[in-house]
Protein backbone atom coordinates (compact mmCIF):
# COMPACT_ATOMS: atom_id res chain seq x y z
CA UNK A 1 -8.37 30.32 -4.12
CA UNK A 2 -7.66 26.88 -2.69
CA UNK A 3 -6.34 23.88 -4.58
CA UNK A 4 -8.27 21.08 -6.22
CA UNK A 5 -6.90 17.60 -5.58
CA UNK A 6 -7.78 14.26 -7.19
CA UNK A 7 -6.95 10.89 -5.59
CA UNK A 8 -7.37 7.64 -7.50
CA UNK A 9 -7.83 4.58 -5.33
CA UNK A 10 -8.72 6.74 -2.35
CA UNK A 11 -10.96 4.11 -0.72
CA UNK A 12 -8.11 1.61 -0.62
CA UNK A 13 -5.78 0.70 2.21
CA UNK A 14 -3.11 3.36 1.70
CA UNK A 15 -5.40 5.67 -0.27
CA UNK A 16 -7.82 6.17 2.61
CA UNK A 17 -4.96 7.08 4.95
CA UNK A 18 -3.76 9.61 2.37
CA UNK A 19 -7.28 11.09 2.22
CA UNK A 20 -7.22 11.47 6.01
CA UNK A 21 -4.07 13.58 5.73
CA UNK A 22 -5.37 15.63 2.79
CA UNK A 23 -8.50 16.59 4.73
CA UNK A 24 -6.25 18.35 7.26
CA UNK A 25 -4.98 20.75 4.59
CA UNK A 26 -6.09 24.37 4.83
CA UNK A 27 -4.95 25.21 1.28
CA UNK A 28 -7.39 22.80 -0.40
CA UNK A 29 -10.93 23.71 -1.48
CA UNK A 30 -11.97 20.48 -3.19
CA UNK A 31 -10.94 16.83 -2.94
CA UNK A 32 -12.26 14.33 -5.49
CA UNK A 33 -11.75 10.65 -4.70
CA UNK A 34 -12.19 8.12 -7.50
CA UNK A 35 -12.46 4.42 -6.66
CA UNK A 36 -14.22 1.45 -8.25
CA UNK A 37 -14.16 -0.72 -5.09
CA UNK A 38 -12.17 -3.42 -6.81
CA UNK A 39 -9.91 -3.63 -3.77
CA UNK A 40 -11.07 -0.48 -1.95
CA UNK A 41 -13.71 -0.55 0.80
CA UNK A 42 -16.48 2.00 1.36
CA UNK A 43 -16.05 1.86 5.14
CA UNK A 44 -12.53 3.29 4.81
CA UNK A 45 -13.99 6.74 4.07
CA UNK A 46 -17.25 6.68 6.04
CA UNK A 47 -15.71 8.43 9.05
CA UNK A 48 -14.98 11.59 7.01
CA UNK A 49 -17.53 14.40 7.22
CA UNK A 50 -16.07 17.23 5.17
CA UNK A 51 -17.94 19.13 2.46
CA UNK A 52 -14.77 19.42 0.40
CA UNK A 53 -14.70 15.65 -0.17
CA UNK A 54 -16.53 14.37 -3.26
CA UNK A 55 -16.56 10.69 -4.12
CA UNK A 56 -16.93 9.22 -7.61
CA UNK A 57 -17.34 5.48 -8.14
CA UNK A 58 -15.50 4.81 -11.40
CA UNK A 59 -12.49 3.17 -13.00
CA UNK A 60 -9.71 5.73 -13.03
CA UNK A 61 -8.78 4.85 -16.63
CA UNK A 62 -12.26 5.87 -17.86
CA UNK A 63 -13.11 8.56 -15.30
CA UNK A 64 -14.48 11.68 -17.02
CA UNK A 65 -14.85 15.21 -15.72
CA UNK A 66 -14.55 18.77 -16.99
CA UNK A 67 -12.66 19.71 -13.83
CA UNK A 68 -8.92 20.16 -13.82
CA UNK A 69 -6.81 19.59 -10.74
CA UNK A 70 -3.74 21.20 -9.24
CA UNK A 71 -2.59 17.87 -7.82
CA UNK A 72 -3.34 14.26 -8.70
CA UNK A 73 -2.27 11.34 -6.53
CA UNK A 74 -2.48 8.09 -8.50
CA UNK A 75 -2.82 5.07 -6.20
CA UNK A 76 -5.41 2.97 -8.05
CA UNK A 77 -4.04 -0.56 -8.45
CA UNK A 78 -4.23 -3.87 -6.63
CA UNK A 79 -1.00 -4.56 -4.75
CA UNK A 80 -1.56 -8.19 -3.80
CA UNK A 81 -0.45 -11.10 -6.04
CA UNK A 82 -3.76 -13.02 -5.87
CA UNK A 83 -5.64 -9.93 -7.06
CA UNK A 84 -3.38 -8.80 -9.89
CA UNK A 85 -2.63 -12.34 -11.07
CA UNK A 86 -6.37 -12.98 -11.38
CA UNK A 87 -6.98 -9.88 -13.53
CA UNK A 88 -3.71 -8.86 -15.22
CA UNK A 89 -5.27 -6.77 -18.00
CA UNK A 90 -7.30 -4.78 -15.51
CA UNK A 91 -4.17 -4.25 -13.41
CA UNK A 92 -2.21 -2.88 -16.35
CA UNK A 93 -5.08 -0.58 -17.31
CA UNK A 94 -5.41 0.79 -13.78
CA UNK A 95 -1.72 1.70 -13.59
CA UNK A 96 -0.77 2.80 -17.08
CA UNK A 97 -4.03 3.98 -18.65
CA UNK A 98 -5.05 5.39 -15.29
CA UNK A 99 -1.88 7.50 -15.23
CA UNK A 100 -2.55 8.78 -18.76
CA UNK A 101 -6.05 9.82 -17.75
CA UNK A 102 -4.77 11.44 -14.56
CA UNK A 103 -2.25 13.50 -16.49
CA UNK A 104 -5.05 14.77 -18.74
CA UNK A 105 -6.90 16.02 -15.64
CA UNK A 106 -4.09 18.33 -14.51
CA UNK A 107 -4.07 22.09 -14.84
CA UNK A 108 -1.01 23.54 -16.62
CA UNK A 109 1.82 23.30 -14.11
CA UNK A 110 -0.04 20.73 -11.98
CA UNK A 111 1.63 17.83 -10.21
CA UNK A 112 1.03 14.10 -10.44
CA UNK A 113 2.29 11.83 -7.65
CA UNK A 114 2.48 8.10 -8.33
CA UNK A 115 2.80 5.17 -5.94
CA UNK A 116 5.16 2.70 -7.58
CA UNK A 117 6.55 -0.35 -5.84
CA UNK A 118 9.65 -2.21 -4.74
CA UNK A 119 8.46 -4.95 -7.10
CA UNK A 120 10.22 -3.04 -9.89
CA UNK A 121 13.43 -4.55 -8.47
CA UNK A 122 12.13 -8.08 -9.09
CA UNK A 123 14.10 -10.79 -7.28
CA UNK A 124 17.09 -8.57 -6.47
CA UNK A 125 20.71 -9.68 -6.67
CA UNK A 126 21.88 -6.86 -4.39
CA UNK A 127 20.63 -5.73 -1.01
CA UNK A 128 19.65 -3.19 0.10
CA UNK A 129 18.18 -1.97 -3.19
CA UNK A 130 19.03 1.63 -4.17
CA UNK A 131 16.90 3.57 -6.64
CA UNK A 132 19.71 3.25 -9.19
CA UNK A 133 19.39 -0.55 -9.23
CA UNK A 134 17.69 -1.66 -12.43
CA UNK A 135 16.40 -4.85 -10.92
CA UNK A 136 15.75 -8.37 -12.13
CA UNK A 137 12.13 -8.59 -13.26
CA UNK A 138 10.70 -11.41 -15.36
CA UNK A 139 8.68 -9.47 -17.91
CA UNK A 140 6.65 -12.59 -18.85
CA UNK A 141 6.28 -14.11 -15.39
CA UNK A 142 3.15 -14.45 -13.23
CA UNK A 143 3.83 -11.17 -11.41
CA UNK A 144 4.60 -9.18 -14.55
CA UNK A 145 1.23 -7.44 -14.93
CA UNK A 146 1.94 -5.58 -11.69
CA UNK A 147 5.73 -5.26 -11.85
CA UNK A 148 5.86 -4.14 -15.45
CA UNK A 149 2.85 -1.83 -15.39
CA UNK A 150 4.39 -0.01 -12.44
CA UNK A 151 7.74 0.21 -14.24
CA UNK A 152 6.10 1.36 -17.46
CA UNK A 153 4.09 4.01 -15.63
CA UNK A 154 7.30 5.32 -14.11
CA UNK A 155 8.78 5.47 -17.61
CA UNK A 156 5.71 7.28 -18.94
CA UNK A 157 5.84 9.95 -16.26
CA UNK A 158 9.57 10.51 -16.55
CA UNK A 159 9.27 10.82 -20.34
CA UNK A 160 6.44 13.33 -19.93
CA UNK A 161 8.64 15.28 -17.53
CA UNK A 162 11.48 15.24 -20.08
CA UNK A 163 9.33 16.24 -23.05
CA UNK A 164 6.70 18.50 -21.47
CA UNK A 165 8.15 19.58 -18.13
CA UNK A 166 5.31 18.03 -16.10
CA UNK A 167 5.80 18.08 -12.32
CA UNK A 168 6.03 14.51 -10.97
CA UNK A 169 6.68 12.67 -7.71
CA UNK A 170 7.33 8.91 -7.86
CA UNK A 171 7.70 6.78 -4.76
CA UNK A 172 8.60 3.10 -4.52
CA UNK A 173 6.85 1.50 -1.54
CA UNK A 174 8.11 -1.53 0.37
CA UNK A 175 5.65 -3.98 1.98
CA UNK A 176 3.21 -1.66 3.72
CA UNK A 177 0.80 -3.14 6.29
CA UNK A 178 -1.57 -1.93 8.98
CA UNK A 179 -5.22 -1.13 9.78
CA UNK A 180 -7.70 -0.98 6.86
CA UNK A 181 -6.05 -3.87 5.04
CA UNK A 182 -8.69 -6.20 3.65
CA UNK A 183 -8.89 -9.62 5.36
CA UNK A 184 -8.78 -11.20 1.89
CA UNK A 185 -5.95 -8.92 0.75
CA UNK A 186 -3.62 -11.86 0.10
CA UNK A 187 -0.34 -10.45 1.41
CA UNK A 188 1.58 -12.03 4.26
CA UNK A 189 0.59 -9.95 7.29
CA UNK A 190 -3.12 -9.73 6.45
CA UNK A 191 -3.17 -13.43 5.50
CA UNK A 192 -1.55 -14.46 8.76
CA UNK A 193 -3.83 -12.28 10.89
CA UNK A 194 -7.01 -13.44 9.15
CA UNK A 195 -5.94 -17.06 9.40
CA UNK A 196 -4.93 -16.73 13.05
CA UNK A 197 -8.32 -15.27 13.94
CA UNK A 198 -10.37 -17.87 12.02
CA UNK A 199 -8.90 -21.30 11.25
CA UNK A 200 -5.89 -20.71 13.47
CA UNK A 201 -3.64 -22.16 10.74
CA UNK A 202 -1.05 -19.78 9.25
CA UNK A 203 0.13 -20.89 5.80
CA UNK A 204 3.84 -20.26 5.27
CA UNK A 205 5.14 -20.86 1.76
CA UNK A 206 8.51 -22.49 1.22
CA UNK A 207 10.68 -22.33 4.30
CA UNK A 208 9.52 -18.83 5.15
CA UNK A 209 13.10 -17.55 4.90
CA UNK A 210 12.18 -15.02 2.18
CA UNK A 211 12.66 -11.64 3.82
CA UNK A 212 10.74 -8.38 3.60
CA UNK A 213 10.98 -4.89 5.06
CA UNK A 214 7.67 -4.36 6.81
CA UNK A 215 6.55 -0.72 6.92
CA UNK A 216 3.70 0.28 9.23
CA UNK A 217 1.17 2.43 7.38
CA UNK A 218 1.39 5.48 9.69
CA UNK A 219 5.13 5.75 9.12
CA UNK A 220 4.80 5.33 5.37
CA UNK A 221 2.01 7.89 5.03
CA UNK A 222 4.08 10.35 7.08
CA UNK A 223 6.68 10.14 4.32
CA UNK A 224 4.15 10.32 1.49
CA UNK A 225 2.50 13.40 2.99
CA UNK A 226 5.81 15.20 3.14
CA UNK A 227 6.98 14.08 -0.30
CA UNK A 228 3.74 14.54 -2.25
CA UNK A 229 2.71 17.97 -0.95
CA UNK A 230 3.87 19.14 2.46
CA UNK A 231 7.60 19.78 2.01
CA UNK A 232 9.14 22.03 -0.62
CA UNK A 233 10.88 19.32 -2.65
CA UNK A 234 12.10 19.48 -6.24
CA UNK A 235 13.29 15.86 -6.54
CA UNK A 236 10.89 13.97 -8.87
CA UNK A 237 11.88 10.47 -7.80
CA UNK A 238 12.04 7.59 -7.79
CA UNK A 239 12.23 7.52 -4.01
CA UNK A 240 12.35 4.37 -1.89
CA UNK A 241 10.08 4.57 1.15
CA UNK A 242 9.90 1.77 3.68
CA UNK A 243 11.37 0.24 6.79
CA UNK A 244 14.92 -0.98 6.22
CA UNK A 245 14.70 -3.53 9.03
CA UNK A 246 14.57 -6.79 7.06
CA UNK A 247 12.62 -9.64 8.68
CA UNK A 248 11.99 -13.19 7.36
CA UNK A 249 8.36 -14.11 6.72
CA UNK A 250 8.65 -17.05 9.12
CA UNK A 251 9.52 -14.68 11.99
CA UNK A 252 6.35 -12.67 11.35
CA UNK A 253 4.25 -15.84 11.36
CA UNK A 254 5.85 -17.12 14.57
CA UNK A 255 5.28 -13.78 16.28
CA UNK A 256 1.59 -13.83 15.41
CA UNK A 257 1.36 -17.41 16.70
CA UNK A 258 2.72 -16.12 20.02
CA UNK A 259 0.01 -13.44 20.15
CA UNK A 260 -2.98 -15.62 19.25
CA UNK A 261 -3.65 -18.62 21.52
CA UNK A 262 -4.11 -21.82 19.57
CA UNK A 263 -2.64 -20.51 16.32
CA UNK A 264 -0.17 -22.74 14.52
CA UNK A 265 1.97 -22.86 11.39
CA UNK A 266 1.27 -24.86 8.22
CA UNK A 267 4.21 -25.17 5.86
CA UNK A 268 3.28 -25.15 2.15
CA UNK A 269 5.20 -25.51 -1.14
CA UNK A 270 6.92 -22.31 -2.34
CA UNK A 271 5.13 -19.83 -4.60
CA UNK A 272 6.71 -19.49 -8.06
CA UNK A 273 8.96 -16.43 -8.44
CA UNK A 274 8.38 -15.20 -4.89
CA UNK A 275 11.28 -12.73 -4.37
CA UNK A 276 13.86 -13.99 -1.89
CA UNK A 277 14.57 -10.63 -0.28
CA UNK A 278 13.42 -7.04 -0.16
CA UNK A 279 15.11 -4.16 1.67
CA UNK A 280 15.23 -0.48 0.68
CA UNK A 281 18.36 1.59 0.56
CA UNK A 282 17.03 4.71 2.29
CA UNK A 283 20.03 6.99 1.73
CA UNK A 284 18.18 9.16 -0.77
CA UNK A 285 14.98 9.11 1.27
CA UNK A 286 16.79 10.42 4.35
CA UNK A 287 18.38 13.18 2.27
CA UNK A 288 15.06 14.15 0.68
CA UNK A 289 12.98 13.86 3.88
CA UNK A 290 15.41 14.80 6.66
CA UNK A 291 14.31 13.50 10.04
CA UNK A 292 11.92 10.90 8.68
CA UNK A 293 12.33 7.32 9.89
CA UNK A 294 10.11 4.24 9.99
CA UNK A 295 9.71 4.28 13.75
CA UNK A 296 7.18 1.49 14.35
CA UNK A 297 8.84 -1.92 14.60
CA UNK A 298 7.03 -4.97 13.25
CA UNK A 299 6.23 -6.18 16.76
CA UNK A 300 4.30 -3.04 17.70
CA UNK A 301 2.85 -2.65 14.22
CA UNK A 302 1.50 -6.19 14.16
CA UNK A 303 -0.03 -5.80 17.61
CA UNK A 304 -1.85 -2.65 16.46
CA UNK A 305 -3.00 -4.31 13.24
CA UNK A 306 -4.11 -7.46 15.06
CA UNK A 307 -6.17 -5.38 17.46
CA UNK A 308 -7.81 -3.57 14.51
CA UNK A 309 -8.59 -6.84 12.74
CA UNK A 310 -10.21 -8.20 15.89
CA UNK A 311 -12.22 -5.07 16.69
CA UNK A 312 -13.26 -4.01 13.18
CA UNK A 313 -12.87 -6.61 10.50
CA UNK A 314 -13.82 -9.69 12.46
CA UNK A 315 -16.90 -7.99 13.92
CA UNK A 316 -18.37 -7.48 10.47
CA UNK A 317 -17.11 -4.01 9.55
CA UNK A 318 -16.40 -5.48 6.13
CA UNK A 319 -18.79 -7.64 4.15
CA UNK A 320 -15.80 -9.83 3.33
CA UNK A 321 -14.94 -10.44 6.98
CA UNK A 322 -14.43 -13.97 8.32
CA UNK A 323 -16.12 -15.33 11.44
CA UNK A 324 -16.04 -12.82 14.34
CA UNK A 325 -13.78 -13.36 17.36
CA UNK A 326 -13.80 -11.97 20.86
CA UNK A 327 -10.97 -10.53 22.90
CA UNK A 328 -9.55 -12.73 25.60
CA UNK A 329 -10.13 -11.65 29.20
CA UNK A 330 -6.37 -11.32 29.54
CA UNK A 331 -5.90 -8.85 26.72
CA UNK A 332 -3.88 -5.72 27.51
CA UNK A 333 -2.88 -2.66 25.55
CA UNK A 334 0.76 -3.61 25.83
CA UNK A 335 0.44 -7.18 24.57
CA UNK A 336 -2.96 -8.13 23.14
CA UNK A 337 -3.91 -11.82 23.36
CA UNK A 338 -6.81 -12.92 21.21
CA UNK A 339 -9.10 -15.91 21.30
CA UNK A 340 -9.22 -17.75 17.99
CA UNK A 341 -12.66 -17.79 16.41
CA UNK A 342 -14.20 -21.13 15.49
CA UNK A 343 -14.73 -21.81 11.81
């Protein structure tokens, strides 16, 4: 008999890519996806035609079913500061109470995999950040609903492992971007692309010298697939997963300006408590997932994401999409050049 798998947040950016990989499994009989469309998008799953997939529109913290699952992958949470700062209580519920509800849905001996975040390191004093680093998080700051609910959920799952022997997998993700990101997502790459394709004005906060490690979604999901279910791994986590090539935000903005004719930078005051740097120490990841690397550089990844934004999002694939744009006559697969849409 095949396995039953539950995914919370499966209509979201990363969640929908995870669902794509799960559908390829031959050892799975039933896949239940729970999403409330807070930040998820229906279109992210519309391409899937598989009778094993069952969708439930619900908050994961209140989701009810008599079914029990062999595996639960808990992804339900906003990951963008504008979203979690606007609704901090809801963010905490999705992470922590959602995890409690997910654990209750497991069969004896089942596994829960949780997507935590590099935000648990706060504004780090060391770089790169290893999993052993306890971080520097402001537990009362404007980002705390996200940072602390992720950290607390990690604590919950590790304590359950210690006291009950539950099987867990915890991954800390670093700045993932790529196709299926919402145009109103609020993070740097999606902000810059949406702005470049509409107003043409990319807002860079502070001097733009704050650095991030930009991980293209295909690379990241390759690692998650192996860690959550594909490889025979005993290590419960936490496991850093990301691209350890650290790039300043200003370099990303300038690169997008080069790709989009007429785009320009607008320098804005810094955002309070915006971390100055972010780079994963991948030593443990490379030991746990031998052979895995983040292969797609930010240049290629941004070109792919820009093309997707132009072809899908800006043509009305999402109800939240800005004004459509058209491809320039000079566009090529190697180096897409896009005409800026009027606004």
